[in-house]
Amino acid sequence: MEFLSIREFSAHPRKTQETLKRSGKIVLTNNGKPSMLVFDITGQDFEDLIDTINRAEAMRLLEEVQVQAVRGGLNFMTIDEINTEVAAARRKKGK
């Protein structure tokens, strides 16, 4: 993966385009720190790419929440525990 500063990105658009074609993606840096990710979408279905990126971001956020919950001493319910709770709530509501 290629890294370019935001300054290089804006000052040399042709070089940026060539680098993007060659590597497929570029990380743009701001003061030496990753700031943005740029993808070459030539020949790709834009909607599929956006969907894939959104799913990856959702998975990353879920993992982050799970790590924070474990560190905080919280435990997640299993699917069986969830089903038991739902069944109990339905029985209670039906009375």
Protein backbone atom coordinates (compact mmCIF):
# COMPACT_ATOMS: atom_id res chain seq x y z
CA MET A 1 0.00 0.00 0.00
CA GLU A 2 1.32 3.40 -0.97
CA PHE A 3 1.47 6.40 1.38
CA LEU A 4 1.33 9.99 0.15
CA SER A 5 1.08 13.24 2.04
CA ILE A 6 -1.99 15.35 1.41
CA ARG A 7 0.35 18.00 0.05
CA GLU A 8 1.79 15.57 -2.55
CA PHE A 9 -1.73 14.42 -3.38
CA SER A 10 -2.90 17.91 -4.27
CA ALA A 11 0.36 19.16 -5.79
CA HIS A 12 0.91 16.23 -8.15
CA PRO A 13 -2.45 14.86 -9.31
CA ARG A 14 -0.98 12.96 -12.29
CA LYS A 15 1.55 11.16 -10.06
CA THR A 16 -1.23 10.40 -7.59
CA GLN A 17 -3.39 8.94 -10.34
CA GLU A 18 -0.54 6.76 -11.60
CA THR A 19 0.24 5.54 -8.08
CA LEU A 20 -3.42 4.76 -7.50
CA LYS A 21 -3.69 2.78 -10.74
CA ARG A 22 -0.57 0.79 -9.81
CA SER A 23 -1.37 0.00 -6.17
CA GLY A 24 -5.19 0.14 -6.09
CA LYS A 25 -5.30 2.20 -2.92
CA ILE A 26 -3.38 5.03 -1.30
CA VAL A 27 -3.18 6.14 2.30
CA LEU A 28 -3.07 9.92 2.56
CA THR A 29 -1.16 11.28 5.50
CA ASN A 30 -1.47 14.54 7.37
CA ASN A 31 1.62 15.49 9.39
CA GLY A 32 2.89 11.94 8.93
CA LYS A 33 -0.23 10.27 10.32
CA PRO A 34 -2.75 8.29 8.25
CA SER A 35 -5.72 10.49 7.52
CA MET A 36 -7.62 9.11 4.51
CA LEU A 37 -7.83 6.04 2.32
CA VAL A 38 -8.33 6.46 -1.43
CA PHE A 39 -9.43 3.55 -3.65
CA ASP A 40 -9.16 3.08 -7.40
CA ILE A 41 -12.68 2.02 -8.40
CA THR A 42 -12.03 1.59 -12.12
CA GLY A 43 -13.91 -1.47 -13.35
CA GLN A 44 -15.59 -2.11 -9.99
CA ASP A 45 -19.23 -1.88 -9.08
CA PHE A 46 -19.36 1.27 -6.95
CA GLU A 47 -22.38 0.16 -4.93
CA ASP A 48 -20.76 -3.20 -4.11
CA LEU A 49 -17.58 -1.46 -2.99
CA ILE A 50 -19.49 0.94 -0.73
CA ASP A 51 -21.47 -1.99 0.72
CA THR A 52 -18.25 -3.89 1.43
CA ILE A 53 -16.67 -0.87 3.11
CA ASN A 54 -19.79 -0.29 5.23
CA ARG A 55 -19.87 -3.94 6.34
CA ALA A 56 -16.17 -3.83 7.24
CA GLU A 57 -16.72 -0.67 9.28
CA ALA A 58 -19.68 -2.25 11.08
CA MET A 59 -17.59 -5.31 11.93
CA ARG A 60 -14.78 -3.11 13.23
CA LEU A 61 -17.20 -1.19 15.44
CA LEU A 62 -18.78 -4.39 16.74
CA GLU A 63 -15.37 -5.77 17.68
CA GLU A 64 -14.53 -2.50 19.42
CA VAL A 65 -17.77 -2.63 21.46
CA GLN A 66 -17.13 -6.27 22.38
CA VAL A 67 -13.59 -5.50 23.56
CA GLN A 68 -14.83 -2.56 25.63
CA ALA A 69 -17.61 -4.68 27.13
CA VAL A 70 -15.20 -7.46 28.12
CA ARG A 71 -12.80 -4.96 29.66
CA GLY A 72 -15.70 -3.47 31.58
CA GLY A 73 -16.68 -6.88 32.95
CA LEU A 74 -19.80 -7.21 30.82
CA ASN A 75 -20.69 -10.50 29.20
CA PHE A 76 -22.73 -10.92 26.06
CA MET A 77 -25.75 -13.21 26.03
CA THR A 78 -25.65 -16.35 23.95
CA ILE A 79 -28.37 -16.96 21.36
CA ASP A 80 -29.91 -19.57 23.68
CA GLU A 81 -30.05 -17.05 26.54
CA ILE A 82 -31.66 -14.48 24.24
CA ASN A 83 -34.25 -16.99 23.05
CA THR A 84 -35.04 -17.94 26.67
CA GLU A 85 -35.55 -14.28 27.60
CA VAL A 86 -37.77 -13.67 24.56
CA ALA A 87 -39.88 -16.75 25.35
CA ALA A 88 -40.28 -15.66 28.99
CA ALA A 89 -41.32 -12.15 27.93
CA ARG A 90 -43.87 -13.57 25.49
CA ARG A 91 -45.31 -15.89 28.17
CA LYS A 92 -45.54 -12.96 30.60
CA LYS A 93 -47.23 -10.76 27.99
CA GLY A 94 -49.72 -13.53 27.14
CA LYS A 95 -50.99 -13.82 30.77
